Structure formats: C-alpha cells, structure tokens
Amino acid sequence: MDFELSEERQMLKDTAERFIREQYPIEKRHAATKSEAGYDRDMWVSFCELGLAGALIPAEAGGFGGMGEDIALVFEALGRGIVVEPFLPTLLASTVLAEAGRTELIEAAMEGQVQLAFAHVEPEAYYTPSHVEVTARDDGGWSLSGRKAVVINGATADHLVVTARVSGDAVDEDGLGLFLVDRTAAGVSVDDHESIDGPHVAEVSFSNAPADPLGTPGADWPLIEKALAAGVLAVSAEALGAMDVAKDMTVDYLKERKQFGKAIGANQVLQHRVVDMLLELEQARSAVMLAANTFEADRDTRELNVSAAKNLVGRAGRLIAEESIQMHGGVAMTWEWPLPHFAKRVIMIDHLFGDVDHHLERFIEIGKKIEARG
C-alpha cells in the first residue's frame, strides 16, 4: 500500500497548512466562536476560494477530491489551527447530496454561497448510529416531526440534510431515509448555542416540516453509514493535527522554561513522557493513514479501519492532552495560552461519532463478522 501523497495532494496540504499558520491565529478563532454565526464568514469564503471545501467533494459532483486521502489531509491541516469554520457539516451533507445528484447545492456550498448542515444525532441515541426517532410521513408530500441534537452549523445553514424514520423500531437500520429541509421552512425551530470547545451547535425541532427525499426513503442506511464514516475519518485526522501541535508546543516549552538555572526539558523523566506522547501520536497517525487509504474499499474494510482509527486517536488524544497540560503547569490552565484550546478540542473529538469504548466494541464486532465469512 502506497502512503506517499501525490504531487497535487502534497501541494494542497502545504498550501492549507501555510494559510492556517499565517492567517488563522488563535485570537481569530476566539473571535469567530463568539460571533453570531460561530465562525468567520469571510474566512470561510477564503477557505473555499483556496479550494479546501472543493477537495472534500468528488469530481462527479463538481469537486476535485472526495477520497479518503483528501478528507484526511484537509482535516489534519484544519486541526493544526482548530478551525471552527463549517467544514465538517459541509462534508457530511455533501457526501449525501453527491449520491443524490444534487450538484447545484454542492457547487454553491463549495463556493461559500450556501451553508449546509447534517442533522442526525438525537437526544436519546447515545452512540447508536442507527437510533433515529424523527419520523417521516408521506401525505401527498413528505414531512418530518421530531428533534435532533448537536447539529453543527444548524442555526446558520440554509439547508439541513436530515435522517428520519419511515418505518421500523427506533434502532433499526432498515426503514431510514434522508431528506433535505429548508432551515427557514414552516415547522422548523432552531435553538443555537456555543459548544464547550468552540463551534456552535443547535437543537433542531421539526413539526410537520416539509421535506424533500434525497435517496430511497426507508432504504438509506448504507448512505447514512458512509456519511458517518466520512465524519469519523475527518475528526480523527483533525485530532491528529491538533495533537501534533500540542506535542510541538510542549517540546518547545520544555526547552524554554527554566528552573534552578536550566531548562526543565533536561529532566529525563519529562523526556520519557514526551517520547511516550510521540509514540502514541505516530501509532494514531498510522491508523488514520490506513483508514484514509481504505476508505473506498468494501463496507466492512472501511468501517473496520475507521473504527480502529477513532479508537486509537481517542486513546492517544487523551494521553497527549493530559501530558501536555501537566508538563506546562499552571500556564496551561489560562485562556490566553493556545495549548488548552487544542487539548480541549482533542478531548471533545473523542465524543463525536462514538468514543473509544464504542469504537473498540464496533471494531471487535466487525472483525468477528469478517472472520466468520473466512
């Protein structure tokens, strides 16, 4: 398996990292999270003009990427700046819209003209991905009723891609559908708030809200699962970028901070702790690379590897977040220092799309199925 980036992808990676490093200081992120939208609209347009949104979209839908490698390299770069602009909801919604052939919406989103959100998580779902209680009814036209929780970019999106149940019990994979809903339509209510790590999320309620089916109502689980897999890969790569920055900040601090006349990094115990951080980071990086390179493989291979990556990233992320804060000392608990914001984002990513325990159980379950088939 070839893990080397193509020349085009390497250029995209270098351009994205340089732009974020030079144009996206932590102060800009803080200001964006406190704005009404929860992100900087002008910066979002700049990111789109740079081609970062287009890199998440397959060529047949108007983009120039959309493969696992593209998702991973873009989100790792975003993680290096803990960017709050709506890349994740755009990726999730566009994955569905691309399969549905809604290229006009994707192209507008890719240019920063239209905002999208993916409404899937529900208050009672915990980490069960097929738990959907929002109902879809066809009475001469589809309508949705129910509640969605933690919808990233939900309050500013022009359109919501919503999962809803056409038939079956609350956790059945069969009976699910995907629908496009205008956020300003009658019967749609949105309550926006800032999340603990910065990005704005919304609680969205539907009361007979008009909806447009995107796939085959009742048989859309495979597409939902694919979109969620893209999200898992994306946040795993984002955490990787954030962890790398936290590690670098810690190493620099150990070299600069002096006690009793010498740098604290001369302490061998601290050196060993940094080595542990580095080993965990590289193990997580290998898992993300494997998930990215097998994202277009068969369903079981894709799901097995994205769950493995999410589990390893969660474990490594907690270690690196805790160690980096401890080795910084009191300064790491201040708002002004960038490090705690990276650590907080890494920890919260573990709770997106399932935590380490959820993905370990899922990895074991999928592995047994593969083994049973021989």
Foldseek 3Di string as FASTA:
>chain_A
DDLDDDPVLVVLLVVLLVCCVVPQALVQQVVLLPDPQLGDLVVLLVCLVSQLLLQCAPVQLPGPHNALSSLLSSLLSCLLRVHQPPSLQLNLVRLLLVVLNVSVQNVCVSNSNFFEWEFQAAPPCQQLRQQAAWAWDPPVFIFTFDKTWFIFSLVPGQKYWYKHAHDDDRRDLFRIFIWIAGCPFPQKDWDWDADPLRTIGIMIGGDRGTIHTRDDGRNCSVSNVLSLLSSLLNLLSSLLSLLVNLLVVLVVQQQPDDDPHHRNVVDVVLVVLSVVLVVLSVVLVVLSSLLRVCSVPDPLSNLLSSLVSLLSLQVSLQSSLVSSDVSNPPVCPDPVDPSVSSSVSSNVSCSPSHHNVVSVVVNVVSVVVVVVVD
